[in-house]
Amino acid sequence: MSITRASMTRGKAARKVLRALRAHGLRPYRTEQFPTRSTYLRDLAMSAPRNSPSPSRSSYKNAPTRSVRVDGVDFAYRELGPEGGVPLVLLIHLAGNLDNWDPSIVDGLATRHRVITFGNRGVGGSGGSTPDTIEGMAHDAVRFIRTLGFDQVDLFGLSMGGFVAQVIAAEEPHLIRKVILAGTGPAGGHGIDKVPALAVQATIKGALTRQDPKLSLFFTDTASGRSAGRAFLRRLEERTDDRDKDISLTSVRAQMKAIKRWGRQAPSDLSAVRQPVLVANGENDRMVPSQNTIDLAARLPKSELVPLYPDSAHGGIFQNHNDFVARALRFLES
């Protein structure tokens, strides 16, 4: 059996992450056989506390797109789940719009929590110009949350959204109750400033091979990784009506500039983030290298690190969505 240079590189990266995990007294998570998506969501809904509101019957694929005016700019958003409790606001990755959230994750979380996704300024159906700093995106998110009338929310930040969530948690301690961070890292983290270049390379390769660049950016080049990637892309296409607009090239450039700045700036003092934080990733993330996940968890005073998902990359939470949702729900309700 031949061993490719790419597989050797992945093996070295995985061994490096395993050594870091062991140094923190942790072991990598091992994949188990999970129930089907429909059975899993049914069981989650049935296990909700008896005194909680009944979950909404709608799913993310048919949740209506709404709009709210924030300081003269319209922000597009969707929400579903029960009405009561602390809402969970989702912050998306680079170049992501409302339709880039995995319905399996949104639907799973919405069985027990009010979930809100929204488009960053200048992205998809949201108006205005996209900020070219993470701090600017964070300030937009706070204004959006307050305009909806919330005094306290939970945050779930994915990749670039995780950068934004860190800023909000530090600057708005009374607004944020709990935080979930996935596929992300701290300011100045290893390799983060290279994310824009990797995204451009994957986009070019995808155009030449007629494959969605998310396959190579979010998943490992293994049989299970490729299979999970194809399943993820099918889930993203479940919504057929009222889909969000694609992000413009101008907005992508602004976001890339913001990410590069985040990756090159001095590390933030994460000891100031006092909220409980759940941190997750795959063990082979090449976009935001997995060692950043371990570093992030070690530097946050009240963090809980999900053992890194094996044979999983930047989209580890998509590949292992059933396990991730179960852990996220336990964290939010603990």
Protein backbone atom coordinates (compact mmCIF):
# COMPACT_ATOMS: atom_id res chain seq x y z
CA MET A 1 0.00 0.00 0.00
CA SER A 2 1.46 3.35 -1.02
CA ILE A 3 1.57 6.28 1.40
CA THR A 4 1.10 9.74 -0.10
CA ARG A 5 2.90 12.87 1.06
CA ALA A 6 -0.51 14.34 2.03
CA SER A 7 -1.35 11.35 4.24
CA MET A 8 2.08 11.54 5.91
CA THR A 9 1.47 15.24 6.60
CA ARG A 10 -1.94 14.51 8.08
CA GLY A 11 -0.40 11.78 10.22
CA LYS A 12 2.25 14.13 11.60
CA ALA A 13 -0.39 16.78 12.32
CA ALA A 14 -2.59 14.27 14.11
CA ARG A 15 0.32 12.98 16.21
CA LYS A 16 1.20 16.56 17.18
CA VAL A 17 -2.37 17.20 18.32
CA LEU A 18 -2.46 13.90 20.24
CA ARG A 19 0.71 14.83 22.12
CA ALA A 20 -0.82 18.19 23.03
CA LEU A 21 -4.01 16.51 24.20
CA ARG A 22 -2.10 14.08 26.40
CA ALA A 23 -0.14 16.98 27.86
CA HIS A 24 -3.48 18.38 29.06
CA GLY A 25 -4.59 14.99 30.40
CA LEU A 26 -7.12 14.45 27.61
CA ARG A 27 -7.86 11.65 25.14
CA PRO A 28 -9.27 12.01 21.62
CA TYR A 29 -12.94 11.26 21.14
CA ARG A 30 -13.73 8.02 19.29
CA THR A 31 -16.64 7.92 16.85
CA GLU A 32 -19.62 5.74 17.80
CA GLN A 33 -22.59 4.55 15.80
CA PHE A 34 -25.23 7.26 16.00
CA PRO A 35 -28.99 7.02 15.35
CA THR A 36 -30.54 8.44 12.21
CA ARG A 37 -31.09 12.19 12.14
CA SER A 38 -34.88 11.94 12.44
CA THR A 39 -34.67 9.51 15.38
CA TYR A 40 -32.02 11.63 17.07
CA LEU A 41 -34.06 14.85 16.84
CA ARG A 42 -37.17 13.04 18.08
CA ASP A 43 -35.30 11.69 21.12
CA LEU A 44 -33.86 15.11 21.90
CA ALA A 45 -37.31 16.69 21.85
CA MET A 46 -38.76 13.93 24.04
CA SER A 47 -35.98 14.34 26.60
CA ALA A 48 -36.63 18.08 27.08
CA PRO A 49 -37.62 19.10 30.62
CA ARG A 50 -41.39 18.78 31.18
CA ASN A 51 -41.79 22.40 32.22
CA SER A 52 -40.07 23.78 29.12
CA PRO A 53 -42.03 25.29 26.20
CA SER A 54 -42.88 22.93 23.36
CA PRO A 55 -40.32 23.20 20.54
CA SER A 56 -41.43 24.81 17.29
CA ARG A 57 -42.50 22.33 14.63
CA SER A 58 -40.55 24.20 11.96
CA SER A 59 -37.08 23.14 10.91
CA TYR A 60 -34.25 25.29 9.64
CA LYS A 61 -34.95 24.37 6.04
CA ASN A 62 -38.31 26.17 6.21
CA ALA A 63 -37.72 28.79 8.93
CA PRO A 64 -38.84 32.15 7.50
CA THR A 65 -36.24 34.79 6.75
CA ARG A 66 -36.95 38.00 8.62
CA SER A 67 -35.37 41.43 8.73
CA VAL A 68 -34.72 43.96 11.47
CA ARG A 69 -33.40 47.51 11.06
CA VAL A 70 -30.28 48.21 13.12
CA ASP A 71 -28.98 51.79 13.05
CA GLY A 72 -30.40 52.31 9.57
CA VAL A 73 -29.18 48.95 8.18
CA ASP A 74 -31.42 45.91 7.57
CA PHE A 75 -30.12 42.64 9.05
CA ALA A 76 -31.53 39.34 7.73
CA TYR A 77 -32.11 36.59 10.27
CA ARG A 78 -33.96 33.35 10.99
CA GLU A 79 -35.13 31.86 14.26
CA LEU A 80 -36.76 28.67 15.46
CA GLY A 81 -37.25 26.66 18.63
CA PRO A 82 -39.13 27.29 21.89
CA GLU A 83 -39.94 30.86 22.89
CA GLY A 84 -38.69 30.87 26.50
CA GLY A 85 -35.24 30.82 28.01
CA VAL A 86 -31.96 32.41 26.96
CA PRO A 87 -31.70 32.50 23.14
CA LEU A 88 -28.67 31.09 21.34
CA VAL A 89 -27.23 33.40 18.66
CA LEU A 90 -25.09 31.78 15.96
CA LEU A 91 -22.07 33.53 14.38
CA ILE A 92 -21.04 32.12 10.98
CA HIS A 93 -17.68 31.37 9.33
CA LEU A 94 -15.81 33.21 6.57
CA ALA A 95 -17.98 33.85 3.47
CA GLY A 96 -20.95 32.17 5.15
CA ASN A 97 -24.56 33.26 4.72
CA LEU A 98 -27.75 32.03 6.40
CA ASP A 99 -27.76 28.86 4.28
CA ASN A 100 -24.29 27.76 5.37
CA TRP A 101 -25.45 26.53 8.79
CA ASP A 102 -25.81 22.76 8.97
CA PRO A 103 -29.56 22.06 9.45
CA SER A 104 -28.70 19.01 11.58
CA ILE A 105 -26.97 21.24 14.11
CA VAL A 106 -29.51 24.07 14.05
CA ASP A 107 -32.48 21.69 14.28
CA GLY A 108 -30.82 19.71 17.07
CA LEU A 109 -30.12 22.80 19.16
CA ALA A 110 -33.61 24.17 18.45
CA THR A 111 -35.30 21.13 20.01
CA ARG A 112 -34.60 22.74 23.38
CA HIS A 113 -33.46 26.33 22.73
CA ARG A 114 -34.50 29.37 20.76
CA VAL A 115 -31.86 29.56 17.99
CA ILE A 116 -31.17 32.68 15.94
CA THR A 117 -28.93 32.90 12.88
CA PHE A 118 -28.24 36.21 11.16
CA GLY A 119 -26.30 37.63 8.26
CA ASN A 120 -23.30 39.83 9.00
CA ARG A 121 -23.53 43.39 7.70
CA GLY A 122 -23.14 43.39 3.92
CA VAL A 123 -23.55 39.60 3.66
CA GLY A 124 -26.43 37.86 1.88
CA GLY A 125 -29.71 39.61 2.58
CA SER A 126 -28.20 42.02 5.13
CA GLY A 127 -27.52 45.56 3.98
CA GLY A 128 -24.58 47.90 4.51
CA SER A 129 -20.85 47.39 4.03
CA THR A 130 -18.99 44.48 5.61
CA PRO A 131 -16.50 45.54 8.33
CA ASP A 132 -12.85 44.66 7.75
CA THR A 133 -12.12 44.06 11.44
CA ILE A 134 -13.34 41.36 13.81
CA GLU A 135 -14.13 44.07 16.36
CA GLY A 136 -16.41 45.80 13.84
CA MET A 137 -18.31 42.57 13.25
CA ALA A 138 -18.61 42.07 17.02
CA HIS A 139 -20.09 45.54 17.50
CA ASP A 140 -22.62 44.86 14.72
CA ALA A 141 -23.64 41.60 16.39
CA VAL A 142 -24.16 43.32 19.75
CA ARG A 143 -26.33 46.01 18.16
CA PHE A 144 -28.34 43.33 16.36
CA ILE A 145 -28.90 41.40 19.62
CA ARG A 146 -29.96 44.51 21.54
CA THR A 147 -32.28 45.63 18.72
CA LEU A 148 -34.12 42.31 19.05
CA GLY A 149 -34.68 43.25 22.68
CA PHE A 150 -32.50 40.67 24.44
CA ASP A 151 -30.74 41.47 27.72
CA GLN A 152 -28.84 38.17 27.77
CA VAL A 153 -27.95 35.56 25.16
CA ASP A 154 -25.71 32.56 24.60
CA LEU A 155 -23.27 32.64 21.66
CA PHE A 156 -22.13 29.92 19.27
CA GLY A 157 -19.21 31.09 17.13
CA LEU A 158 -17.86 28.96 14.28
CA SER A 159 -14.40 29.70 12.81
CA MET A 160 -14.44 33.47 12.07
CA GLY A 161 -17.63 33.62 14.13
CA GLY A 162 -15.56 32.27 17.02
CA PHE A 163 -13.22 35.26 16.76
CA VAL A 164 -16.26 37.55 16.90
CA ALA A 165 -17.70 35.67 19.88
CA GLN A 166 -14.47 36.10 21.86
CA VAL A 167 -14.59 39.88 21.41
CA ILE A 168 -18.25 40.06 22.42
CA ALA A 169 -17.74 37.89 25.50
CA ALA A 170 -14.85 40.08 26.64
CA GLU A 171 -16.52 43.42 25.95
CA GLU A 172 -20.10 42.56 26.98
CA PRO A 173 -19.84 40.33 30.08
CA HIS A 174 -23.40 41.08 31.22
CA LEU A 175 -24.93 40.38 27.80
CA ILE A 176 -23.38 36.93 27.32
CA ARG A 177 -24.24 33.96 29.56
CA LYS A 178 -22.39 31.06 27.88
CA VAL A 179 -20.25 30.63 24.76
CA ILE A 180 -19.64 27.75 22.34
CA LEU A 181 -16.54 28.01 20.12
CA ALA A 182 -15.85 25.59 17.25
CA GLY A 183 -13.04 25.45 14.70
CA THR A 184 -11.55 28.69 15.95
CA GLY A 185 -8.61 30.17 17.83
CA PRO A 186 -7.32 33.15 19.79
CA ALA A 187 -6.00 36.37 18.28
CA GLY A 188 -2.47 35.83 17.03
CA GLY A 189 -3.02 32.07 16.94
CA HIS A 190 -0.76 29.80 14.91
CA GLY A 191 -1.55 29.86 11.18
CA ILE A 192 -4.72 31.95 11.44
CA ASP A 193 -3.32 34.70 9.21
CA LYS A 194 -2.97 32.08 6.44
CA VAL A 195 -6.72 31.27 6.37
CA PRO A 196 -7.45 33.71 3.48
CA ALA A 197 -4.73 32.19 1.30
CA LEU A 198 -5.96 28.65 2.01
CA ALA A 199 -9.52 29.68 1.15
CA VAL A 200 -8.42 31.20 -2.16
CA GLN A 201 -6.38 28.10 -3.07
CA ALA A 202 -9.31 25.80 -2.26
CA THR A 203 -11.69 27.94 -4.30
CA ILE A 204 -9.40 27.81 -7.34
CA LYS A 205 -8.93 24.06 -6.94
CA GLY A 206 -12.68 23.61 -6.55
CA ALA A 207 -13.35 25.54 -9.75
CA LEU A 208 -10.84 23.41 -11.68
CA THR A 209 -12.13 20.10 -10.30
CA ARG A 210 -15.79 21.14 -10.18
CA GLN A 211 -16.01 20.42 -6.47
CA ASP A 212 -17.26 22.59 -3.64
CA PRO A 213 -14.18 24.03 -1.88
CA LYS A 214 -15.77 23.20 1.49
CA LEU A 215 -14.97 19.55 0.84
CA SER A 216 -11.23 20.15 1.06
CA LEU A 217 -11.40 22.98 3.61
CA PHE A 218 -13.79 21.35 6.11
CA PHE A 219 -13.15 17.61 5.75
CA THR A 220 -10.25 15.16 5.65
CA ASP A 221 -9.27 13.49 2.40
CA THR A 222 -10.19 10.02 3.68
CA ALA A 223 -13.10 7.74 2.89
CA SER A 224 -15.05 8.78 5.97
CA GLY A 225 -14.11 12.44 5.54
CA ARG A 226 -15.23 12.53 1.91
CA SER A 227 -18.47 10.71 2.75
CA ALA A 228 -19.22 13.13 5.61
CA GLY A 229 -18.45 16.08 3.34
CA ARG A 230 -20.87 14.94 0.66
CA ALA A 231 -23.59 14.35 3.27
CA PHE A 232 -22.99 17.84 4.69
CA LEU A 233 -23.33 19.46 1.26
CA ARG A 234 -26.61 17.59 0.68
CA ARG A 235 -27.95 18.94 3.99
CA LEU A 236 -27.03 22.49 2.96
CA GLU A 237 -29.25 22.05 -0.11
CA GLU A 238 -32.33 20.91 1.84
CA ARG A 239 -33.77 24.42 1.78
CA THR A 240 -35.17 25.09 -1.67
CA ASP A 241 -37.24 28.25 -1.16
CA ASP A 242 -36.27 31.71 0.08
CA ARG A 243 -32.56 30.96 0.05
CA ASP A 244 -30.11 33.66 1.09
CA LYS A 245 -28.07 35.64 -1.44
CA ASP A 246 -24.48 34.61 -2.09
CA ILE A 247 -21.85 36.76 -0.42
CA SER A 248 -20.27 39.37 -2.68
CA LEU A 249 -16.57 39.41 -3.57
CA THR A 250 -16.25 42.79 -1.84
CA SER A 251 -17.56 41.36 1.42
CA VAL A 252 -15.33 38.29 1.16
CA ARG A 253 -12.29 40.54 0.76
CA ALA A 254 -13.30 42.59 3.82
CA GLN A 255 -13.70 39.43 5.91
CA MET A 256 -10.35 38.05 4.73
CA LYS A 257 -8.68 41.31 5.71
CA ALA A 258 -10.28 41.07 9.15
CA ILE A 259 -9.10 37.48 9.62
CA LYS A 260 -5.55 38.31 8.57
CA ARG A 261 -5.50 41.16 11.08
CA TRP A 262 -6.83 38.85 13.80
CA GLY A 263 -4.13 36.31 13.05
CA ARG A 264 -1.35 38.90 13.22
CA GLN A 265 -2.42 40.96 16.21
CA ALA A 266 -1.13 40.50 19.74
CA PRO A 267 -2.89 37.76 21.73
CA SER A 268 -5.86 38.93 23.78
CA ASP A 269 -6.01 38.47 27.55
CA LEU A 270 -8.54 35.65 27.59
CA SER A 271 -8.46 35.52 31.39
CA ALA A 272 -10.94 38.41 31.18
CA VAL A 273 -13.56 36.08 29.64
CA ARG A 274 -15.37 34.80 32.73
CA GLN A 275 -18.29 33.02 31.04
CA PRO A 276 -18.35 29.22 30.74
CA VAL A 277 -17.06 28.25 27.28
CA LEU A 278 -17.36 24.96 25.36
CA VAL A 279 -14.55 24.47 22.82
CA ALA A 280 -14.65 21.93 19.95
CA ASN A 281 -12.83 21.01 16.74
CA GLY A 282 -11.54 18.16 14.60
CA GLU A 283 -8.03 16.87 15.23
CA ASN A 284 -6.90 17.60 11.63
CA ASP A 285 -8.06 21.20 11.10
CA ARG A 286 -5.74 22.79 8.54
CA MET A 287 -7.63 26.07 8.26
CA VAL A 288 -7.43 27.08 11.92
CA PRO A 289 -4.84 24.50 13.06
CA SER A 290 -6.18 22.29 15.84
CA GLN A 291 -3.46 23.31 18.28
CA ASN A 292 -5.27 26.67 18.50
CA THR A 293 -8.30 24.88 19.93
CA ILE A 294 -6.23 23.38 22.72
CA ASP A 295 -4.50 26.71 23.36
CA LEU A 296 -7.86 28.49 23.46
CA ALA A 297 -9.30 26.07 26.00
CA ALA A 298 -6.19 26.29 28.16
CA ARG A 299 -6.30 30.08 28.28
CA LEU A 300 -10.02 30.47 29.02
CA PRO A 301 -10.65 30.34 32.79
CA LYS A 302 -13.97 28.43 32.57
CA SER A 303 -13.54 26.28 29.49
CA GLU A 304 -14.65 22.74 28.68
CA LEU A 305 -12.74 21.11 25.82
CA VAL A 306 -14.52 18.50 23.72
CA PRO A 307 -11.84 15.86 22.95
CA LEU A 308 -10.89 16.54 19.35
CA TYR A 309 -12.87 14.51 16.84
CA PRO A 310 -10.66 11.95 15.02
CA ASP A 311 -10.42 11.86 11.23
CA SER A 312 -12.15 15.25 11.25
CA ALA A 313 -11.03 18.67 10.12
CA HIS A 314 -12.39 22.24 10.25
CA GLY A 315 -15.92 20.88 9.84
CA GLY A 316 -15.54 18.39 12.67
CA ILE A 317 -18.81 19.49 14.27
CA PHE A 318 -20.62 18.89 10.97
CA GLN A 319 -19.09 15.44 10.57
CA ASN A 320 -19.98 14.54 14.18
CA HIS A 321 -23.15 16.62 14.46
CA ASN A 322 -25.12 14.21 16.66
CA ASP A 323 -22.41 14.02 19.31
CA PHE A 324 -21.70 17.75 19.13
CA VAL A 325 -25.36 18.73 19.55
CA ALA A 326 -25.73 16.42 22.55
CA ARG A 327 -22.64 17.93 24.20
CA ALA A 328 -23.74 21.48 23.38
CA LEU A 329 -27.18 20.91 24.90
CA ARG A 330 -25.69 19.47 28.08
CA PHE A 331 -23.33 22.44 28.31
CA LEU A 332 -26.09 25.02 27.80
CA GLU A 333 -28.34 23.37 30.34
CA SER A 334 -25.77 22.59 33.04
